[in-house]
Amino acid sequence: MDKRKKNIIELTRITIDDYRRSDKLPVKVVVDSVRSMNNIGSIFRTSDAFMVDEIILCGITATPPHPEIHKTALGAEESVAWRYEKSAEEAVRKLQEAGVKVCCLEQTHNSVPLHEFVPSKDEVYAIVVGNEVEGVNQSVVDAADTVIEIPQFGTKHSLNVAVSAGLAIWHFIESLKLMR
């Protein structure tokens, strides 16, 4: 068994132009007032890795180009489609009008554990992640089609927002059987 790490040539990554032309995961990520540009960059990098359709940056969330976002995005802010909406509520409304199913990542009464949520191959989804301290704005939670919660068992009541986004995106890939 060869355990030698792959070099950059062996990784055979596609170009940014090829990425933009490729079919994407039928998932958008709505980022609701995330403060840390490192978290924003990490969400971009994860979204690139798993070919998320689009990132929608809302509220106080910073937008590219910015050196602090680039530090963790490592160029993914160039490949992943993104746009800014002043209000997450407005972004969610527009997505729902376009037929997108909105799923908030939040801890609420009657939320669905992530591992029990089964996305349909016939739908397009938006995963909403929120502020590092306050989470997703309650008005956005109220408007969501589904609230998904990542079960946790330790002493902390939440995960880092970029980690949460990554777990949710992976769940959609795994559930939709889109592994290549």
N, C-alpha and C. Protein backbone atom coordinates (compact mmCIF):
# COMPACT_ATOMS: atom_id res chain seq x y z
N MET A 1 0.85 -1.18 0.00
CA MET A 1 0.00 0.00 0.00
C MET A 1 0.89 1.24 0.00
N ASP A 2 0.66 2.11 -0.97
CA ASP A 2 1.45 3.33 -1.09
C ASP A 2 0.83 4.44 -0.25
N LYS A 3 1.50 4.83 0.82
CA LYS A 3 1.00 5.91 1.69
C LYS A 3 1.73 7.22 1.44
N ARG A 4 2.45 7.27 0.34
CA ARG A 4 3.17 8.48 -0.02
C ARG A 4 2.16 9.60 -0.32
N LYS A 5 2.38 10.79 0.22
CA LYS A 5 1.48 11.91 -0.05
C LYS A 5 1.55 12.29 -1.53
N LYS A 6 0.40 12.66 -2.07
CA LYS A 6 0.33 13.08 -3.47
C LYS A 6 0.96 14.45 -3.62
N ASN A 7 1.65 14.66 -4.73
CA ASN A 7 2.17 15.99 -5.02
C ASN A 7 1.11 16.78 -5.81
N ILE A 8 1.36 18.02 -6.07
CA ILE A 8 0.38 18.91 -6.69
C ILE A 8 -0.05 18.41 -8.08
N ILE A 9 0.86 17.79 -8.81
CA ILE A 9 0.52 17.26 -10.14
C ILE A 9 -0.38 16.05 -10.02
N GLU A 10 -0.12 15.18 -9.05
CA GLU A 10 -0.92 13.97 -8.85
C GLU A 10 -2.34 14.28 -8.36
N LEU A 11 -2.54 15.44 -7.77
CA LEU A 11 -3.87 15.82 -7.29
C LEU A 11 -4.84 16.12 -8.44
N THR A 12 -4.33 16.41 -9.60
CA THR A 12 -5.10 16.65 -10.83
C THR A 12 -6.34 17.51 -10.60
N ARG A 13 -6.16 18.69 -10.09
CA ARG A 13 -7.27 19.62 -9.89
C ARG A 13 -7.60 20.32 -11.20
N ILE A 14 -8.86 20.72 -11.31
CA ILE A 14 -9.31 21.41 -12.53
C ILE A 14 -8.96 22.89 -12.44
N THR A 15 -9.00 23.55 -13.58
CA THR A 15 -8.74 24.99 -13.61
C THR A 15 -9.97 25.75 -13.12
N ILE A 16 -9.80 27.02 -12.81
CA ILE A 16 -10.94 27.85 -12.39
C ILE A 16 -11.98 27.92 -13.50
N ASP A 17 -11.54 28.04 -14.75
CA ASP A 17 -12.50 28.08 -15.87
C ASP A 17 -13.28 26.77 -15.97
N ASP A 18 -12.57 25.64 -15.83
CA ASP A 18 -13.25 24.34 -15.86
C ASP A 18 -14.22 24.22 -14.67
N TYR A 19 -13.79 24.71 -13.52
CA TYR A 19 -14.65 24.69 -12.33
C TYR A 19 -15.95 25.45 -12.61
N ARG A 20 -15.82 26.63 -13.17
CA ARG A 20 -17.01 27.46 -13.43
C ARG A 20 -17.96 26.80 -14.42
N ARG A 21 -17.43 26.00 -15.34
CA ARG A 21 -18.27 25.30 -16.33
C ARG A 21 -18.84 23.98 -15.80
N SER A 22 -18.34 23.49 -14.68
CA SER A 22 -18.74 22.18 -14.16
C SER A 22 -20.12 22.22 -13.51
N ASP A 23 -20.78 21.05 -13.50
CA ASP A 23 -22.02 20.90 -12.76
C ASP A 23 -21.70 21.06 -11.28
N LYS A 24 -22.60 21.70 -10.57
CA LYS A 24 -22.40 21.98 -9.14
C LYS A 24 -23.36 21.18 -8.29
N LEU A 25 -23.00 21.08 -7.02
CA LEU A 25 -23.88 20.51 -6.01
C LEU A 25 -25.11 21.41 -5.94
N PRO A 26 -26.33 20.85 -5.91
CA PRO A 26 -27.53 21.70 -5.88
C PRO A 26 -27.76 22.33 -4.50
N VAL A 27 -26.72 23.00 -4.04
CA VAL A 27 -26.73 23.62 -2.71
C VAL A 27 -26.09 25.00 -2.79
N LYS A 28 -26.75 25.95 -2.14
CA LYS A 28 -26.23 27.29 -1.96
C LYS A 28 -25.96 27.45 -0.47
N VAL A 29 -25.02 28.31 -0.10
CA VAL A 29 -24.75 28.58 1.30
C VAL A 29 -25.03 30.06 1.55
N VAL A 30 -25.94 30.32 2.49
CA VAL A 30 -26.27 31.69 2.89
C VAL A 30 -25.51 31.95 4.19
N VAL A 31 -24.69 32.99 4.19
CA VAL A 31 -23.86 33.32 5.34
C VAL A 31 -24.45 34.57 5.98
N ASP A 32 -25.09 34.39 7.14
CA ASP A 32 -25.85 35.44 7.82
C ASP A 32 -25.01 36.13 8.89
N SER A 33 -24.41 37.26 8.54
CA SER A 33 -23.68 38.13 9.49
C SER A 33 -22.56 37.42 10.24
N VAL A 34 -21.72 36.72 9.50
CA VAL A 34 -20.53 36.10 10.07
C VAL A 34 -19.43 37.16 10.16
N ARG A 35 -18.86 37.30 11.34
CA ARG A 35 -17.87 38.35 11.60
C ARG A 35 -16.47 38.02 11.11
N SER A 36 -16.03 36.79 11.35
CA SER A 36 -14.64 36.43 11.10
C SER A 36 -14.38 36.20 9.61
N MET A 37 -13.42 36.97 9.09
CA MET A 37 -13.06 36.78 7.68
C MET A 37 -12.36 35.44 7.48
N ASN A 38 -11.73 34.90 8.52
CA ASN A 38 -11.16 33.56 8.41
C ASN A 38 -12.27 32.52 8.23
N ASN A 39 -13.38 32.68 8.95
CA ASN A 39 -14.51 31.77 8.77
C ASN A 39 -15.10 31.91 7.37
N ILE A 40 -15.21 33.13 6.89
CA ILE A 40 -15.74 33.37 5.55
C ILE A 40 -14.84 32.68 4.51
N GLY A 41 -13.55 32.87 4.65
CA GLY A 41 -12.60 32.23 3.74
C GLY A 41 -12.68 30.72 3.79
N SER A 42 -12.84 30.19 4.98
CA SER A 42 -12.96 28.74 5.13
C SER A 42 -14.23 28.21 4.47
N ILE A 43 -15.32 28.95 4.57
CA ILE A 43 -16.56 28.55 3.90
C ILE A 43 -16.37 28.57 2.38
N PHE A 44 -15.65 29.56 1.88
CA PHE A 44 -15.35 29.58 0.45
C PHE A 44 -14.53 28.35 0.04
N ARG A 45 -13.51 28.04 0.82
CA ARG A 45 -12.63 26.92 0.47
C ARG A 45 -13.38 25.59 0.49
N THR A 46 -14.20 25.39 1.51
CA THR A 46 -15.01 24.16 1.59
C THR A 46 -16.00 24.11 0.43
N SER A 47 -16.61 25.25 0.12
CA SER A 47 -17.58 25.31 -0.98
C SER A 47 -16.92 24.97 -2.31
N ASP A 48 -15.69 25.41 -2.50
CA ASP A 48 -14.95 25.06 -3.71
C ASP A 48 -14.68 23.56 -3.74
N ALA A 49 -14.21 23.01 -2.63
CA ALA A 49 -13.85 21.60 -2.57
C ALA A 49 -15.02 20.70 -2.94
N PHE A 50 -16.23 21.10 -2.55
CA PHE A 50 -17.40 20.26 -2.78
C PHE A 50 -18.36 20.83 -3.82
N MET A 51 -17.87 21.80 -4.60
CA MET A 51 -18.57 22.36 -5.75
C MET A 51 -19.97 22.87 -5.42
N VAL A 52 -20.05 23.66 -4.36
CA VAL A 52 -21.30 24.32 -4.00
C VAL A 52 -21.68 25.28 -5.12
N ASP A 53 -22.97 25.39 -5.37
CA ASP A 53 -23.47 26.23 -6.46
C ASP A 53 -23.16 27.71 -6.27
N GLU A 54 -23.37 28.21 -5.05
CA GLU A 54 -23.24 29.66 -4.83
C GLU A 54 -23.17 29.94 -3.33
N ILE A 55 -22.47 31.02 -3.00
CA ILE A 55 -22.46 31.54 -1.63
C ILE A 55 -23.14 32.90 -1.67
N ILE A 56 -24.04 33.13 -0.71
CA ILE A 56 -24.71 34.42 -0.58
C ILE A 56 -24.29 35.01 0.75
N LEU A 57 -23.55 36.09 0.69
CA LEU A 57 -23.02 36.76 1.88
C LEU A 57 -24.00 37.85 2.29
N CYS A 58 -24.41 37.86 3.56
CA CYS A 58 -25.47 38.77 4.01
C CYS A 58 -25.05 39.55 5.26
N GLY A 59 -25.70 40.71 5.42
CA GLY A 59 -25.52 41.50 6.63
C GLY A 59 -24.11 42.02 6.77
N ILE A 60 -23.52 41.83 7.97
CA ILE A 60 -22.18 42.36 8.25
C ILE A 60 -21.07 41.48 7.68
N THR A 61 -21.42 40.40 7.02
CA THR A 61 -20.42 39.49 6.45
C THR A 61 -19.57 40.25 5.42
N ALA A 62 -18.26 40.18 5.58
CA ALA A 62 -17.35 40.84 4.63
C ALA A 62 -17.38 40.10 3.29
N THR A 63 -16.98 40.81 2.25
CA THR A 63 -16.96 40.23 0.91
C THR A 63 -15.56 40.30 0.32
N PRO A 64 -15.26 39.39 -0.59
CA PRO A 64 -14.00 39.48 -1.33
C PRO A 64 -14.02 40.72 -2.23
N PRO A 65 -12.90 41.19 -2.67
CA PRO A 65 -11.57 40.73 -2.30
C PRO A 65 -11.14 41.33 -0.96
N HIS A 66 -10.50 40.51 -0.16
CA HIS A 66 -9.95 40.97 1.11
C HIS A 66 -8.84 40.00 1.51
N PRO A 67 -7.67 40.53 1.94
CA PRO A 67 -6.56 39.66 2.30
C PRO A 67 -6.89 38.66 3.41
N GLU A 68 -7.72 39.05 4.37
CA GLU A 68 -8.07 38.14 5.47
C GLU A 68 -8.97 37.00 4.99
N ILE A 69 -9.84 37.25 4.03
CA ILE A 69 -10.65 36.17 3.45
C ILE A 69 -9.75 35.27 2.62
N HIS A 70 -8.88 35.87 1.83
CA HIS A 70 -7.99 35.12 0.95
C HIS A 70 -7.06 34.19 1.74
N LYS A 71 -6.67 34.61 2.94
CA LYS A 71 -5.73 33.83 3.76
C LYS A 71 -6.24 32.41 3.99
N THR A 72 -7.55 32.23 4.19
CA THR A 72 -8.08 30.88 4.39
C THR A 72 -8.77 30.34 3.14
N ALA A 73 -9.28 31.20 2.28
CA ALA A 73 -9.93 30.74 1.04
C ALA A 73 -8.91 30.19 0.05
N LEU A 74 -7.70 30.72 0.11
CA LEU A 74 -6.63 30.29 -0.79
C LEU A 74 -7.04 30.33 -2.26
N GLY A 75 -7.79 31.35 -2.64
CA GLY A 75 -8.20 31.51 -4.03
C GLY A 75 -9.59 31.01 -4.36
N ALA A 76 -10.24 30.34 -3.42
CA ALA A 76 -11.60 29.82 -3.68
C ALA A 76 -12.60 30.96 -3.89
N GLU A 77 -12.27 32.14 -3.41
CA GLU A 77 -13.15 33.28 -3.64
C GLU A 77 -13.16 33.68 -5.12
N GLU A 78 -12.21 33.14 -5.88
CA GLU A 78 -12.14 33.37 -7.33
C GLU A 78 -12.96 32.33 -8.10
N SER A 79 -13.12 31.15 -7.54
CA SER A 79 -13.80 30.07 -8.28
C SER A 79 -15.28 29.95 -7.93
N VAL A 80 -15.63 30.09 -6.68
CA VAL A 80 -17.02 29.89 -6.24
C VAL A 80 -17.85 31.14 -6.55
N ALA A 81 -18.98 30.95 -7.18
CA ALA A 81 -19.89 32.07 -7.45
C ALA A 81 -20.39 32.61 -6.11
N TRP A 82 -20.43 33.92 -5.98
CA TRP A 82 -20.93 34.52 -4.76
C TRP A 82 -21.58 35.86 -5.07
N ARG A 83 -22.44 36.28 -4.15
CA ARG A 83 -23.06 37.60 -4.26
C ARG A 83 -23.37 38.09 -2.85
N TYR A 84 -23.61 39.38 -2.77
CA TYR A 84 -23.93 39.99 -1.48
C TYR A 84 -25.39 40.42 -1.47
N GLU A 85 -26.08 40.13 -0.38
CA GLU A 85 -27.43 40.63 -0.12
C GLU A 85 -27.38 41.33 1.23
N LYS A 86 -27.91 42.52 1.30
CA LYS A 86 -27.89 43.26 2.56
C LYS A 86 -28.60 42.51 3.68
N SER A 87 -29.68 41.85 3.35
CA SER A 87 -30.52 41.19 4.34
C SER A 87 -30.63 39.69 4.07
N ALA A 88 -30.35 38.88 5.08
CA ALA A 88 -30.53 37.43 4.94
C ALA A 88 -32.00 37.10 4.74
N GLU A 89 -32.88 37.86 5.38
CA GLU A 89 -34.32 37.63 5.22
C GLU A 89 -34.72 37.81 3.75
N GLU A 90 -34.21 38.84 3.13
CA GLU A 90 -34.51 39.10 1.72
C GLU A 90 -33.90 38.01 0.83
N ALA A 91 -32.69 37.61 1.14
CA ALA A 91 -32.04 36.54 0.37
C ALA A 91 -32.86 35.26 0.44
N VAL A 92 -33.32 34.91 1.64
CA VAL A 92 -34.13 33.70 1.82
C VAL A 92 -35.44 33.81 1.05
N ARG A 93 -36.08 34.95 1.12
CA ARG A 93 -37.34 35.15 0.40
C ARG A 93 -37.14 34.95 -1.11
N LYS A 94 -36.10 35.54 -1.65
CA LYS A 94 -35.81 35.40 -3.09
C LYS A 94 -35.51 33.95 -3.45
N LEU A 95 -34.76 33.27 -2.61
CA LEU A 95 -34.45 31.87 -2.87
C LEU A 95 -35.72 31.02 -2.88
N GLN A 96 -36.58 31.24 -1.90
CA GLN A 96 -37.82 30.47 -1.84
C GLN A 96 -38.72 30.77 -3.02
N GLU A 97 -38.76 32.01 -3.46
CA GLU A 97 -39.55 32.37 -4.65
C GLU A 97 -39.03 31.64 -5.89
N ALA A 98 -37.72 31.35 -5.89
CA ALA A 98 -37.11 30.64 -7.00
C ALA A 98 -37.22 29.12 -6.84
N GLY A 99 -37.90 28.67 -5.78
CA GLY A 99 -38.12 27.25 -5.57
C GLY A 99 -37.05 26.55 -4.76
N VAL A 100 -36.14 27.29 -4.18
CA VAL A 100 -35.06 26.71 -3.37
C VAL A 100 -35.60 26.41 -1.97
N LYS A 101 -35.27 25.23 -1.45
CA LYS A 101 -35.65 24.84 -0.09
C LYS A 101 -34.59 25.36 0.87
N VAL A 102 -35.02 26.15 1.84
CA VAL A 102 -34.09 26.80 2.77
C VAL A 102 -33.99 25.99 4.06
N CYS A 103 -32.76 25.62 4.39
CA CYS A 103 -32.46 24.83 5.60
C CYS A 103 -31.52 25.64 6.49
N CYS A 104 -32.00 26.03 7.66
CA CYS A 104 -31.14 26.74 8.62
C CYS A 104 -30.39 25.73 9.46
N LEU A 105 -29.13 26.00 9.70
CA LEU A 105 -28.35 25.22 10.67
C LEU A 105 -28.47 25.96 11.99
N GLU A 106 -29.27 25.41 12.89
CA GLU A 106 -29.53 26.10 14.15
C GLU A 106 -30.08 25.10 15.15
N GLN A 107 -30.02 25.45 16.42
CA GLN A 107 -30.56 24.61 17.49
C GLN A 107 -31.89 25.20 17.91
N THR A 108 -32.98 24.51 17.56
CA THR A 108 -34.32 24.99 17.89
C THR A 108 -35.15 23.83 18.43
N HIS A 109 -36.28 24.17 19.01
CA HIS A 109 -37.25 23.14 19.34
C HIS A 109 -37.75 22.56 18.02
N ASN A 110 -37.83 21.27 17.92
CA ASN A 110 -38.30 20.56 16.73
C ASN A 110 -37.36 20.63 15.53
N SER A 111 -36.09 20.94 15.75
CA SER A 111 -35.13 20.87 14.65
C SER A 111 -34.91 19.40 14.29
N VAL A 112 -34.45 19.17 13.07
CA VAL A 112 -34.19 17.82 12.57
C VAL A 112 -32.70 17.54 12.72
N PRO A 113 -32.32 16.45 13.39
CA PRO A 113 -30.90 16.10 13.45
C PRO A 113 -30.33 15.94 12.04
N LEU A 114 -29.15 16.46 11.81
CA LEU A 114 -28.56 16.45 10.48
C LEU A 114 -28.57 15.05 9.86
N HIS A 115 -28.23 14.03 10.62
CA HIS A 115 -28.16 12.68 10.07
C HIS A 115 -29.53 12.11 9.71
N GLU A 116 -30.61 12.73 10.19
CA GLU A 116 -31.96 12.27 9.84
C GLU A 116 -32.57 13.05 8.68
N PHE A 117 -31.94 14.15 8.30
CA PHE A 117 -32.46 14.94 7.18
C PHE A 117 -32.06 14.28 5.87
N VAL A 118 -33.06 14.00 5.02
CA VAL A 118 -32.82 13.34 3.75
C VAL A 118 -33.20 14.30 2.61
N PRO A 119 -32.19 14.91 1.99
CA PRO A 119 -32.51 15.80 0.87
C PRO A 119 -32.97 15.03 -0.35
N SER A 120 -33.81 15.65 -1.15
CA SER A 120 -34.33 15.05 -2.37
C SER A 120 -33.44 15.45 -3.55
N LYS A 121 -33.21 14.52 -4.44
CA LYS A 121 -32.42 14.81 -5.64
C LYS A 121 -33.14 15.76 -6.59
N ASP A 122 -34.42 15.97 -6.36
CA ASP A 122 -35.21 16.83 -7.23
C ASP A 122 -35.29 18.28 -6.75
N GLU A 123 -34.59 18.60 -5.68
CA GLU A 123 -34.66 19.93 -5.09
C GLU A 123 -33.30 20.62 -5.12
N VAL A 124 -33.36 21.94 -5.03
CA VAL A 124 -32.17 22.75 -4.80
C VAL A 124 -32.31 23.28 -3.38
N TYR A 125 -31.21 23.29 -2.65
CA TYR A 125 -31.24 23.68 -1.24
C TYR A 125 -30.34 24.88 -0.97
N ALA A 126 -30.67 25.59 0.08
CA ALA A 126 -29.80 26.62 0.63
C ALA A 126 -29.58 26.27 2.09
N ILE A 127 -28.33 26.23 2.50
CA ILE A 127 -27.96 26.02 3.89
C ILE A 127 -27.63 27.38 4.47
N VAL A 128 -28.34 27.79 5.52
CA VAL A 128 -28.09 29.09 6.15
C VAL A 128 -27.26 28.86 7.40
N VAL A 129 -26.12 29.54 7.47
CA VAL A 129 -25.29 29.53 8.67
C VAL A 129 -25.24 30.95 9.23
N GLY A 130 -25.04 31.04 10.56
CA GLY A 130 -25.16 32.35 11.19
C GLY A 130 -23.95 32.83 11.96
N ASN A 131 -24.15 33.97 12.54
CA ASN A 131 -23.16 34.69 13.33
C ASN A 131 -22.55 33.79 14.40
N GLU A 132 -21.26 34.01 14.65
CA GLU A 132 -20.51 33.18 15.59
C GLU A 132 -21.07 33.22 17.02
N VAL A 133 -21.72 34.29 17.40
CA VAL A 133 -22.25 34.40 18.77
C VAL A 133 -23.76 34.22 18.79
N GLU A 134 -24.46 34.90 17.91
CA GLU A 134 -25.93 34.92 17.91
C GLU A 134 -26.58 33.84 17.06
N GLY A 135 -25.82 33.21 16.18
CA GLY A 135 -26.40 32.21 15.28
C GLY A 135 -27.18 32.86 14.16
N VAL A 136 -28.09 32.11 13.57
CA VAL A 136 -28.93 32.61 12.48
C VAL A 136 -30.01 33.50 13.07
N ASN A 137 -30.25 34.63 12.45
CA ASN A 137 -31.28 35.56 12.90
C ASN A 137 -32.62 34.83 13.02
N GLN A 138 -33.36 35.09 14.11
CA GLN A 138 -34.62 34.38 14.36
C GLN A 138 -35.62 34.55 13.21
N SER A 139 -35.65 35.73 12.59
CA SER A 139 -36.59 35.91 11.47
C SER A 139 -36.25 35.01 10.30
N VAL A 140 -34.98 34.71 10.10
CA VAL A 140 -34.56 33.79 9.04
C VAL A 140 -34.92 32.36 9.43
N VAL A 141 -34.71 32.02 10.70
CA VAL A 141 -35.10 30.69 11.19
C VAL A 141 -36.60 30.49 10.98
N ASP A 142 -37.39 31.51 11.33
CA ASP A 142 -38.85 31.42 11.19
C ASP A 142 -39.26 31.22 9.73
N ALA A 143 -38.52 31.80 8.81
CA ALA A 143 -38.87 31.71 7.39
C ALA A 143 -38.38 30.42 6.74
N ALA A 144 -37.47 29.71 7.37
CA ALA A 144 -36.86 28.52 6.77
C ALA A 144 -37.88 27.42 6.55
N ASP A 145 -37.63 26.60 5.54
CA ASP A 145 -38.45 25.42 5.28
C ASP A 145 -38.15 24.31 6.29
N THR A 146 -36.89 24.25 6.71
CA THR A 146 -36.44 23.22 7.65
C THR A 146 -35.34 23.80 8.52
N VAL A 147 -35.30 23.36 9.77
CA VAL A 147 -34.18 23.71 10.65
C VAL A 147 -33.44 22.41 10.95
N ILE A 148 -32.15 22.42 10.66
CA ILE A 148 -31.31 21.24 10.84
C ILE A 148 -30.33 21.52 11.98
N GLU A 149 -30.17 20.53 12.83
CA GLU A 149 -29.26 20.67 13.97
C GLU A 149 -28.19 19.59 13.91
N ILE A 150 -26.96 19.98 14.15
CA ILE A 150 -25.87 19.02 14.22
C ILE A 150 -25.80 18.53 15.67
N PRO A 151 -26.10 17.24 15.90
CA PRO A 151 -26.05 16.72 17.28
C PRO A 151 -24.64 16.87 17.87
N GLN A 152 -24.59 17.27 19.12
CA GLN A 152 -23.32 17.45 19.83
C GLN A 152 -23.43 16.83 21.22
N PHE A 153 -22.32 16.38 21.75
CA PHE A 153 -22.37 15.61 22.99
C PHE A 153 -21.42 16.12 24.07
N GLY A 154 -20.61 17.10 23.78
CA GLY A 154 -19.65 17.60 24.76
C GLY A 154 -20.21 18.73 25.60
N THR A 155 -19.32 19.52 26.16
CA THR A 155 -19.73 20.60 27.06
C THR A 155 -20.07 21.89 26.31
N LYS A 156 -19.62 22.05 25.10
CA LYS A 156 -19.88 23.28 24.34
C LYS A 156 -21.23 23.16 23.62
N HIS A 157 -21.88 24.29 23.43
CA HIS A 157 -23.22 24.25 22.82
C HIS A 157 -23.21 24.53 21.33
N SER A 158 -22.02 24.76 20.75
CA SER A 158 -22.00 25.02 19.32
C SER A 158 -20.65 24.66 18.73
N LEU A 159 -20.63 24.55 17.41
CA LEU A 159 -19.41 24.33 16.65
C LEU A 159 -19.04 25.63 15.94
N ASN A 160 -17.81 25.73 15.49
CA ASN A 160 -17.40 26.85 14.67
C ASN A 160 -18.28 26.89 13.41
N VAL A 161 -18.66 28.08 12.97
CA VAL A 161 -19.59 28.23 11.84
C VAL A 161 -19.04 27.60 10.55
N ALA A 162 -17.75 27.72 10.32
CA ALA A 162 -17.18 27.12 9.11
C ALA A 162 -17.17 25.60 9.20
N VAL A 163 -16.93 25.07 10.38
CA VAL A 163 -16.99 23.62 10.59
C VAL A 163 -18.42 23.13 10.38
N SER A 164 -19.38 23.84 10.94
CA SER A 164 -20.79 23.48 10.78
C SER A 164 -21.19 23.47 9.31
N ALA A 165 -20.79 24.50 8.58
CA ALA A 165 -21.10 24.56 7.15
C ALA A 165 -20.50 23.37 6.43
N GLY A 166 -19.25 23.03 6.74
CA GLY A 166 -18.59 21.89 6.11
C GLY A 166 -19.29 20.57 6.38
N LEU A 167 -19.71 20.37 7.64
CA LEU A 167 -20.44 19.14 7.97
C LEU A 167 -21.76 19.05 7.19
N ALA A 168 -22.47 20.15 7.12
CA ALA A 168 -23.75 20.15 6.41
C ALA A 168 -23.56 19.91 4.92
N ILE A 169 -22.59 20.58 4.32
CA ILE A 169 -22.33 20.39 2.90
C ILE A 169 -21.97 18.92 2.63
N TRP A 170 -21.11 18.36 3.47
CA TRP A 170 -20.74 16.95 3.30
C TRP A 170 -21.97 16.05 3.41
N HIS A 171 -22.86 16.35 4.34
CA HIS A 171 -24.07 15.54 4.50
C HIS A 171 -24.89 15.55 3.20
N PHE A 172 -25.00 16.71 2.56
CA PHE A 172 -25.76 16.79 1.30
C PHE A 172 -25.08 15.97 0.21
N ILE A 173 -23.77 16.04 0.11
CA ILE A 173 -23.05 15.25 -0.89
C ILE A 173 -23.28 13.76 -0.64
N GLU A 174 -23.10 13.36 0.59
CA GLU A 174 -23.25 11.94 0.96
C GLU A 174 -24.69 11.47 0.74
N SER A 175 -25.66 12.28 1.16
CA SER A 175 -27.07 11.89 1.05
C SER A 175 -27.54 11.83 -0.40
N LEU A 176 -27.04 12.74 -1.21
CA LEU A 176 -27.44 12.76 -2.61
C LEU A 176 -26.59 11.83 -3.47
N LYS A 177 -25.67 11.14 -2.83
CA LYS A 177 -24.79 10.16 -3.52
C LYS A 177 -24.07 10.80 -4.68
N LEU A 178 -23.49 11.98 -4.42
CA LEU A 178 -22.80 12.70 -5.47
C LEU A 178 -21.29 12.56 -5.42
N MET A 179 -20.82 11.61 -4.63
CA MET A 179 -19.37 11.39 -4.58
C MET A 179 -18.91 10.94 -5.97
N ARG A 180 -17.78 11.46 -6.39
CA ARG A 180 -17.29 11.17 -7.74
C ARG A 180 -16.32 10.02 -7.73
